[in-house]
Amino acid sequence: MAQVNVTDTAEIEYLQVKPNSPMDSFFKKYKFSHIGTGMLDSMKKIFKGKQIFLYSNPRAVGFYRKNGFKEYPLQAKFVYDA
């Protein structure tokens, strides 16, 4: 799920595709993979040429860095420069 606000820049809030749950150990492994990366790639194409700001959980820093985002001075805010 993602909430997107668009002006001269795009802002993504609450991108969550694999939420952690106390019940995780009772369920089968996820059938699909790379959903978050696919969503980010789509956003990069849709908002080509615009700066994308993303607010995230600090535990996801590695994921966003791996997808080309860099940390913004505010905690848990990332930016992708097209």
PDB file of N, CA and C in Angstrom:
ATOM      1  N   MET A   1       0.851  -1.174   0.000  1.00  0.00           N
ATOM      2  CA  MET A   1       0.000   0.000   0.000  1.00  0.00           C
ATOM      3  C   MET A   1       0.890   1.228   0.000  1.00  0.00           C
ATOM      4  N   ALA A   2       0.560   2.198  -0.780  1.00  0.00           N
ATOM      5  CA  ALA A   2       1.343   3.426  -0.827  1.00  0.00           C
ATOM      6  C   ALA A   2       0.402   4.610  -0.985  1.00  0.00           C
ATOM      7  N   GLN A   3       0.737   5.679  -0.303  1.00  0.00           N
ATOM      8  CA  GLN A   3      -0.003   6.919  -0.443  1.00  0.00           C
ATOM      9  C   GLN A   3       0.953   7.886  -1.120  1.00  0.00           C
ATOM     10  N   VAL A   4       0.551   8.470  -2.241  1.00  0.00           N
ATOM     11  CA  VAL A   4       1.442   9.328  -3.014  1.00  0.00           C
ATOM     12  C   VAL A   4       0.845  10.718  -3.140  1.00  0.00           C
ATOM     13  N   ASN A   5       1.646  11.734  -2.838  1.00  0.00           N
ATOM     14  CA  ASN A   5       1.277  13.126  -3.043  1.00  0.00           C
ATOM     15  C   ASN A   5       2.188  13.659  -4.142  1.00  0.00           C
ATOM     16  N   VAL A   6       1.637  14.386  -5.116  1.00  0.00           N
ATOM     17  CA  VAL A   6       2.446  14.866  -6.231  1.00  0.00           C
ATOM     18  C   VAL A   6       2.277  16.364  -6.414  1.00  0.00           C
ATOM     19  N   THR A   7       3.392  17.083  -6.492  1.00  0.00           N
ATOM     20  CA  THR A   7       3.437  18.488  -6.894  1.00  0.00           C
ATOM     21  C   THR A   7       4.624  18.559  -7.860  1.00  0.00           C
ATOM     22  N   ASP A   8       5.623  19.355  -7.545  1.00  0.00           N
ATOM     23  CA  ASP A   8       6.851  19.354  -8.342  1.00  0.00           C
ATOM     24  C   ASP A   8       7.714  18.159  -7.988  1.00  0.00           C
ATOM     25  N   THR A   9       7.416  17.569  -6.879  1.00  0.00           N
ATOM     26  CA  THR A   9       8.101  16.356  -6.441  1.00  0.00           C
ATOM     27  C   THR A   9       7.024  15.316  -6.131  1.00  0.00           C
ATOM     28  N   ALA A  10       7.439  14.091  -5.977  1.00  0.00           N
ATOM     29  CA  ALA A  10       6.502  13.042  -5.572  1.00  0.00           C
ATOM     30  C   ALA A  10       6.887  12.602  -4.174  1.00  0.00           C
ATOM     31  N   GLU A  11       5.911  12.383  -3.326  1.00  0.00           N
ATOM     32  CA  GLU A  11       6.158  11.905  -1.968  1.00  0.00           C
ATOM     33  C   GLU A  11       5.415  10.600  -1.767  1.00  0.00           C
ATOM     34  N   ILE A  12       6.140   9.603  -1.278  1.00  0.00           N
ATOM     35  CA  ILE A  12       5.545   8.293  -1.021  1.00  0.00           C
ATOM     36  C   ILE A  12       5.541   8.077   0.480  1.00  0.00           C
ATOM     37  N   GLU A  13       4.390   7.769   1.009  1.00  0.00           N
ATOM     38  CA  GLU A  13       4.272   7.479   2.436  1.00  0.00           C
ATOM     39  C   GLU A  13       3.725   6.070   2.615  1.00  0.00           C
ATOM     40  N   TYR A  14       4.253   5.395   3.578  1.00  0.00           N
ATOM     41  CA  TYR A  14       3.721   4.099   4.008  1.00  0.00           C
ATOM     42  C   TYR A  14       3.782   3.002   2.948  1.00  0.00           C
ATOM     43  N   LEU A  15       4.890   2.891   2.246  1.00  0.00           N
ATOM     44  CA  LEU A  15       5.077   1.773   1.337  1.00  0.00           C
ATOM     45  C   LEU A  15       5.338   0.538   2.186  1.00  0.00           C
ATOM     46  N   GLN A  16       4.423  -0.404   2.140  1.00  0.00           N
ATOM     47  CA  GLN A  16       4.546  -1.590   2.983  1.00  0.00           C
ATOM     48  C   GLN A  16       4.043  -2.783   2.195  1.00  0.00           C
ATOM     49  N   VAL A  17       4.958  -3.673   1.847  1.00  0.00           N
ATOM     50  CA  VAL A  17       4.562  -4.838   1.076  1.00  0.00           C
ATOM     51  C   VAL A  17       4.811  -6.149   1.813  1.00  0.00           C
ATOM     52  N   LYS A  18       5.614  -6.114   2.842  1.00  0.00           N
ATOM     53  CA  LYS A  18       5.885  -7.331   3.602  1.00  0.00           C
ATOM     54  C   LYS A  18       5.894  -6.983   5.097  1.00  0.00           C
ATOM     55  N   PRO A  19       4.724  -6.719   5.640  1.00  0.00           N
ATOM     56  CA  PRO A  19       4.672  -6.343   7.059  1.00  0.00           C
ATOM     57  C   PRO A  19       5.065  -7.507   7.961  1.00  0.00           C
ATOM     58  N   ASN A  20       5.736  -7.183   9.032  1.00  0.00           N
ATOM     59  CA  ASN A  20       6.090  -8.200  10.025  1.00  0.00           C
ATOM     60  C   ASN A  20       4.898  -8.436  10.937  1.00  0.00           C
ATOM     61  N   SER A  21       4.705  -9.689  11.306  1.00  0.00           N
ATOM     62  CA  SER A  21       3.596 -10.048  12.164  1.00  0.00           C
ATOM     63  C   SER A  21       4.046 -11.129  13.131  1.00  0.00           C
ATOM     64  N   PRO A  22       3.508 -11.135  14.349  1.00  0.00           N
ATOM     65  CA  PRO A  22       3.836 -12.209  15.285  1.00  0.00           C
ATOM     66  C   PRO A  22       3.410 -13.577  14.754  1.00  0.00           C
ATOM     67  N   MET A  23       2.518 -13.607  13.781  1.00  0.00           N
ATOM     68  CA  MET A  23       2.015 -14.861  13.232  1.00  0.00           C
ATOM     69  C   MET A  23       2.856 -15.381  12.062  1.00  0.00           C
ATOM     70  N   ASP A  24       3.929 -14.669  11.684  1.00  0.00           N
ATOM     71  CA  ASP A  24       4.734 -15.051  10.519  1.00  0.00           C
ATOM     72  C   ASP A  24       5.207 -16.501  10.565  1.00  0.00           C
ATOM     73  N   SER A  25       5.562 -16.984  11.724  1.00  0.00           N
ATOM     74  CA  SER A  25       6.106 -18.342  11.810  1.00  0.00           C
ATOM     75  C   SER A  25       5.040 -19.417  11.531  1.00  0.00           C
ATOM     76  N   PHE A  26       3.774 -19.046  11.548  1.00  0.00           N
ATOM     77  CA  PHE A  26       2.692 -20.001  11.301  1.00  0.00           C
ATOM     78  C   PHE A  26       2.277 -20.079   9.833  1.00  0.00           C
ATOM     79  N   PHE A  27       2.768 -19.154   9.011  1.00  0.00           N
ATOM     80  CA  PHE A  27       2.361 -19.107   7.618  1.00  0.00           C
ATOM     81  C   PHE A  27       3.482 -19.573   6.699  1.00  0.00           C
ATOM     82  N   LYS A  28       3.098 -20.003   5.501  1.00  0.00           N
ATOM     83  CA  LYS A  28       4.074 -20.401   4.494  1.00  0.00           C
ATOM     84  C   LYS A  28       4.885 -19.186   4.072  1.00  0.00           C
ATOM     85  N   LYS A  29       6.043 -19.448   3.474  1.00  0.00           N
ATOM     86  CA  LYS A  29       6.839 -18.352   2.936  1.00  0.00           C
ATOM     87  C   LYS A  29       6.016 -17.604   1.885  1.00  0.00           C
ATOM     88  N   TYR A  30       6.331 -16.331   1.702  1.00  0.00           N
ATOM     89  CA  TYR A  30       5.624 -15.534   0.709  1.00  0.00           C
ATOM     90  C   TYR A  30       5.813 -16.147  -0.671  1.00  0.00           C
ATOM     91  N   LYS A  31       4.734 -16.222  -1.431  1.00  0.00           N
ATOM     92  CA  LYS A  31       4.763 -16.822  -2.760  1.00  0.00           C
ATOM     93  C   LYS A  31       5.445 -15.897  -3.769  1.00  0.00           C
ATOM     94  N   PHE A  32       5.308 -14.613  -3.599  1.00  0.00           N
ATOM     95  CA  PHE A  32       5.863 -13.642  -4.536  1.00  0.00           C
ATOM     96  C   PHE A  32       7.040 -12.931  -3.887  1.00  0.00           C
ATOM     97  N   SER A  33       7.945 -12.432  -4.723  1.00  0.00           N
ATOM     98  CA  SER A  33       9.090 -11.689  -4.186  1.00  0.00           C
ATOM     99  C   SER A  33       9.350 -10.461  -5.055  1.00  0.00           C
ATOM    100  N   HIS A  34      10.100  -9.554  -4.518  1.00  0.00           N
ATOM    101  CA  HIS A  34      10.510  -8.313  -5.200  1.00  0.00           C
ATOM    102  C   HIS A  34       9.324  -7.394  -5.518  1.00  0.00           C
ATOM    103  N   ILE A  35       8.277  -7.466  -4.732  1.00  0.00           N
ATOM    104  CA  ILE A  35       7.102  -6.622  -4.946  1.00  0.00           C
ATOM    105  C   ILE A  35       7.447  -5.158  -4.669  1.00  0.00           C
ATOM    106  N   GLY A  36       8.136  -4.901  -3.575  1.00  0.00           N
ATOM    107  CA  GLY A  36       8.516  -3.529  -3.223  1.00  0.00           C
ATOM    108  C   GLY A  36       9.413  -2.905  -4.273  1.00  0.00           C
ATOM    109  N   THR A  37      10.392  -3.657  -4.747  1.00  0.00           N
ATOM    110  CA  THR A  37      11.294  -3.157  -5.787  1.00  0.00           C
ATOM    111  C   THR A  37      10.508  -2.856  -7.055  1.00  0.00           C
ATOM    112  N   GLY A  38       9.569  -3.720  -7.413  1.00  0.00           N
ATOM    113  CA  GLY A  38       8.737  -3.487  -8.591  1.00  0.00           C
ATOM    114  C   GLY A  38       7.899  -2.227  -8.456  1.00  0.00           C
ATOM    115  N   MET A  39       7.355  -2.001  -7.261  1.00  0.00           N
ATOM    116  CA  MET A  39       6.561  -0.790  -7.034  1.00  0.00           C
ATOM    117  C   MET A  39       7.428   0.455  -7.164  1.00  0.00           C
ATOM    118  N   LEU A  40       8.634   0.403  -6.586  1.00  0.00           N
ATOM    119  CA  LEU A  40       9.530   1.558  -6.677  1.00  0.00           C
ATOM    120  C   LEU A  40       9.955   1.806  -8.117  1.00  0.00           C
ATOM    121  N   ASP A  41      10.250   0.752  -8.861  1.00  0.00           N
ATOM    122  CA  ASP A  41      10.622   0.911 -10.268  1.00  0.00           C
ATOM    123  C   ASP A  41       9.493   1.557 -11.064  1.00  0.00           C
ATOM    124  N   SER A  42       8.260   1.162 -10.784  1.00  0.00           N
ATOM    125  CA  SER A  42       7.102   1.766 -11.455  1.00  0.00           C
ATOM    126  C   SER A  42       6.975   3.238 -11.104  1.00  0.00           C
ATOM    127  N   MET A  43       7.164   3.565  -9.836  1.00  0.00           N
ATOM    128  CA  MET A  43       7.089   4.967  -9.402  1.00  0.00           C
ATOM    129  C   MET A  43       8.168   5.798 -10.098  1.00  0.00           C
ATOM    130  N   LYS A  44       9.373   5.236 -10.229  1.00  0.00           N
ATOM    131  CA  LYS A  44      10.463   5.957 -10.903  1.00  0.00           C
ATOM    132  C   LYS A  44      10.101   6.247 -12.353  1.00  0.00           C
ATOM    133  N   LYS A  45       9.417   5.329 -13.023  1.00  0.00           N
ATOM    134  CA  LYS A  45       9.008   5.541 -14.414  1.00  0.00           C
ATOM    135  C   LYS A  45       7.873   6.557 -14.500  1.00  0.00           C
ATOM    136  N   ILE A  46       6.894   6.431 -13.616  1.00  0.00           N
ATOM    137  CA  ILE A  46       5.743   7.336 -13.626  1.00  0.00           C
ATOM    138  C   ILE A  46       6.176   8.773 -13.364  1.00  0.00           C
ATOM    139  N   PHE A  47       7.081   8.957 -12.410  1.00  0.00           N
ATOM    140  CA  PHE A  47       7.514  10.295 -12.005  1.00  0.00           C
ATOM    141  C   PHE A  47       8.897  10.631 -12.555  1.00  0.00           C
ATOM    142  N   LYS A  48       9.189  10.132 -13.742  1.00  0.00           N
ATOM    143  CA  LYS A  48      10.493  10.364 -14.370  1.00  0.00           C
ATOM    144  C   LYS A  48      10.777  11.861 -14.447  1.00  0.00           C
ATOM    145  N   GLY A  49      11.969  12.249 -14.032  1.00  0.00           N
ATOM    146  CA  GLY A  49      12.360  13.652 -14.048  1.00  0.00           C
ATOM    147  C   GLY A  49      11.963  14.415 -12.797  1.00  0.00           C
ATOM    148  N   LYS A  50      11.199  13.776 -11.908  1.00  0.00           N
ATOM    149  CA  LYS A  50      10.808  14.421 -10.655  1.00  0.00           C
ATOM    150  C   LYS A  50      11.578  13.797  -9.498  1.00  0.00           C
ATOM    151  N   GLN A  51      11.777  14.575  -8.498  1.00  0.00           N
ATOM    152  CA  GLN A  51      12.414  14.077  -7.288  1.00  0.00           C
ATOM    153  C   GLN A  51      11.366  13.320  -6.479  1.00  0.00           C
ATOM    154  N   ILE A  52      11.735  12.165  -5.991  1.00  0.00           N
ATOM    155  CA  ILE A  52      10.811  11.334  -5.213  1.00  0.00           C
ATOM    156  C   ILE A  52      11.273  11.304  -3.765  1.00  0.00           C
ATOM    157  N   PHE A  53      10.405  11.722  -2.855  1.00  0.00           N
ATOM    158  CA  PHE A  53      10.680  11.631  -1.425  1.00  0.00           C
ATOM    159  C   PHE A  53       9.906  10.455  -0.868  1.00  0.00           C
ATOM    160  N   LEU A  54      10.536   9.698  -0.003  1.00  0.00           N
ATOM    161  CA  LEU A  54       9.912   8.509   0.553  1.00  0.00           C
ATOM    162  C   LEU A  54      10.101   8.500   2.062  1.00  0.00           C
ATOM    163  N   TYR A  55       9.036   8.356   2.786  1.00  0.00           N
ATOM    164  CA  TYR A  55       9.090   8.260   4.245  1.00  0.00           C
ATOM    165  C   TYR A  55       9.008   6.785   4.604  1.00  0.00           C
ATOM    166  N   SER A  56       9.884   6.340   5.491  1.00  0.00           N
ATOM    167  CA  SER A  56       9.963   4.906   5.732  1.00  0.00           C
ATOM    168  C   SER A  56      10.328   4.580   7.166  1.00  0.00           C
ATOM    169  N   ASN A  57      10.204   3.304   7.450  1.00  0.00           N
ATOM    170  CA  ASN A  57      10.673   2.749   8.713  1.00  0.00           C
ATOM    171  C   ASN A  57      12.204   2.730   8.664  1.00  0.00           C
ATOM    172  N   PRO A  58      12.880   3.200   9.700  1.00  0.00           N
ATOM    173  CA  PRO A  58      14.349   3.208   9.688  1.00  0.00           C
ATOM    174  C   PRO A  58      14.979   1.831   9.468  1.00  0.00           C
ATOM    175  N   ARG A  59      14.243   0.755   9.744  1.00  0.00           N
ATOM    176  CA  ARG A  59      14.794  -0.590   9.535  1.00  0.00           C
ATOM    177  C   ARG A  59      14.890  -0.958   8.054  1.00  0.00           C
ATOM    178  N   ALA A  60      14.276  -0.166   7.187  1.00  0.00           N
ATOM    179  CA  ALA A  60      14.282  -0.470   5.753  1.00  0.00           C
ATOM    180  C   ALA A  60      15.353   0.319   4.988  1.00  0.00           C
ATOM    181  N   VAL A  61      16.280   0.939   5.700  1.00  0.00           N
ATOM    182  CA  VAL A  61      17.304   1.777   5.074  1.00  0.00           C
ATOM    183  C   VAL A  61      18.054   1.032   3.972  1.00  0.00           C
ATOM    184  N   GLY A  62      18.499  -0.174   4.237  1.00  0.00           N
ATOM    185  CA  GLY A  62      19.256  -0.954   3.257  1.00  0.00           C
ATOM    186  C   GLY A  62      18.477  -1.202   1.984  1.00  0.00           C
ATOM    187  N   PHE A  63      17.200  -1.494   2.119  1.00  0.00           N
ATOM    188  CA  PHE A  63      16.337  -1.753   0.963  1.00  0.00           C
ATOM    189  C   PHE A  63      16.270  -0.527   0.059  1.00  0.00           C
ATOM    190  N   TYR A  64      16.062   0.653   0.646  1.00  0.00           N
ATOM    191  CA  TYR A  64      15.934   1.862  -0.172  1.00  0.00           C
ATOM    192  C   TYR A  64      17.268   2.270  -0.771  1.00  0.00           C
ATOM    193  N   ARG A  65      18.358   2.110  -0.047  1.00  0.00           N
ATOM    194  CA  ARG A  65      19.681   2.387  -0.615  1.00  0.00           C
ATOM    195  C   ARG A  65      19.924   1.477  -1.824  1.00  0.00           C
ATOM    196  N   LYS A  66      19.575   0.207  -1.697  1.00  0.00           N
ATOM    197  CA  LYS A  66      19.766  -0.755  -2.769  1.00  0.00           C
ATOM    198  C   LYS A  66      18.943  -0.377  -4.013  1.00  0.00           C
ATOM    199  N   ASN A  67      17.863   0.355  -3.819  1.00  0.00           N
ATOM    200  CA  ASN A  67      17.001   0.769  -4.922  1.00  0.00           C
ATOM    201  C   ASN A  67      17.293   2.185  -5.420  1.00  0.00           C
ATOM    202  N   GLY A  68      18.461   2.715  -5.078  1.00  0.00           N
ATOM    203  CA  GLY A  68      18.905   3.992  -5.621  1.00  0.00           C
ATOM    204  C   GLY A  68      18.524   5.226  -4.830  1.00  0.00           C
ATOM    205  N   PHE A  69      17.886   5.063  -3.693  1.00  0.00           N
ATOM    206  CA  PHE A  69      17.524   6.209  -2.860  1.00  0.00           C
ATOM    207  C   PHE A  69      18.688   6.543  -1.933  1.00  0.00           C
ATOM    208  N   LYS A  70      18.784   7.798  -1.566  1.00  0.00           N
ATOM    209  CA  LYS A  70      19.791   8.201  -0.588  1.00  0.00           C
ATOM    210  C   LYS A  70      19.083   8.856   0.589  1.00  0.00           C
ATOM    211  N   GLU A  71      19.741   8.786   1.728  1.00  0.00           N
ATOM    212  CA  GLU A  71      19.104   9.327   2.935  1.00  0.00           C
ATOM    213  C   GLU A  71      19.014  10.841   2.870  1.00  0.00           C
ATOM    214  N   TYR A  72      17.901  11.329   3.321  1.00  0.00           N
ATOM    215  CA  TYR A  72      17.640  12.755   3.420  1.00  0.00           C
ATOM    216  C   TYR A  72      18.003  13.168   4.841  1.00  0.00           C
ATOM    217  N   PRO A  73      18.338  14.443   5.079  1.00  0.00           N
ATOM    218  CA  PRO A  73      18.738  14.841   6.436  1.00  0.00           C
ATOM    219  C   PRO A  73      17.757  14.470   7.554  1.00  0.00           C
ATOM    220  N   LEU A  74      16.455  14.423   7.247  1.00  0.00           N
ATOM    221  CA  LEU A  74      15.498  14.022   8.270  1.00  0.00           C
ATOM    222  C   LEU A  74      15.502  12.510   8.387  1.00  0.00           C
ATOM    223  N   GLN A  75      15.350  12.001   9.580  1.00  0.00           N
ATOM    224  CA  GLN A  75      15.378  10.553   9.797  1.00  0.00           C
ATOM    225  C   GLN A  75      14.239   9.865   9.053  1.00  0.00           C
ATOM    226  N   ALA A  76      14.561   8.746   8.414  1.00  0.00           N
ATOM    227  CA  ALA A  76      13.596   7.885   7.711  1.00  0.00           C
ATOM    228  C   ALA A  76      12.940   8.570   6.520  1.00  0.00           C
ATOM    229  N   LYS A  77      13.626   9.551   5.947  1.00  0.00           N
ATOM    230  CA  LYS A  77      13.114  10.182   4.731  1.00  0.00           C
ATOM    231  C   LYS A  77      14.174   9.966   3.672  1.00  0.00           C
ATOM    232  N   PHE A  78      13.779   9.457   2.525  1.00  0.00           N
ATOM    233  CA  PHE A  78      14.707   9.140   1.452  1.00  0.00           C
ATOM    234  C   PHE A  78      14.338   9.937   0.211  1.00  0.00           C
ATOM    235  N   VAL A  79      15.300  10.137  -0.664  1.00  0.00           N
ATOM    236  CA  VAL A  79      15.050  10.875  -1.899  1.00  0.00           C
ATOM    237  C   VAL A  79      15.700  10.142  -3.065  1.00  0.00           C
ATOM    238  N   TYR A  80      15.019  10.137  -4.222  1.00  0.00           N
ATOM    239  CA  TYR A  80      15.564   9.569  -5.451  1.00  0.00           C
ATOM    240  C   TYR A  80      15.636  10.699  -6.464  1.00  0.00           C
ATOM    241  N   ASP A  81      16.842  11.051  -6.910  1.00  0.00           N
ATOM    242  CA  ASP A  81      17.015  12.088  -7.920  1.00  0.00           C
ATOM    243  C   ASP A  81      17.045  11.463  -9.295  1.00  0.00           C
ATOM    244  N   ALA A  82      16.090  11.819 -10.118  1.00  0.00           N
ATOM    245  CA  ALA A  82      15.995  11.248 -11.470  1.00  0.00           C
ATOM    246  C   ALA A  82      17.073  11.825 -12.366  1.00  0.00           C
TER     247      ALA A  82
END
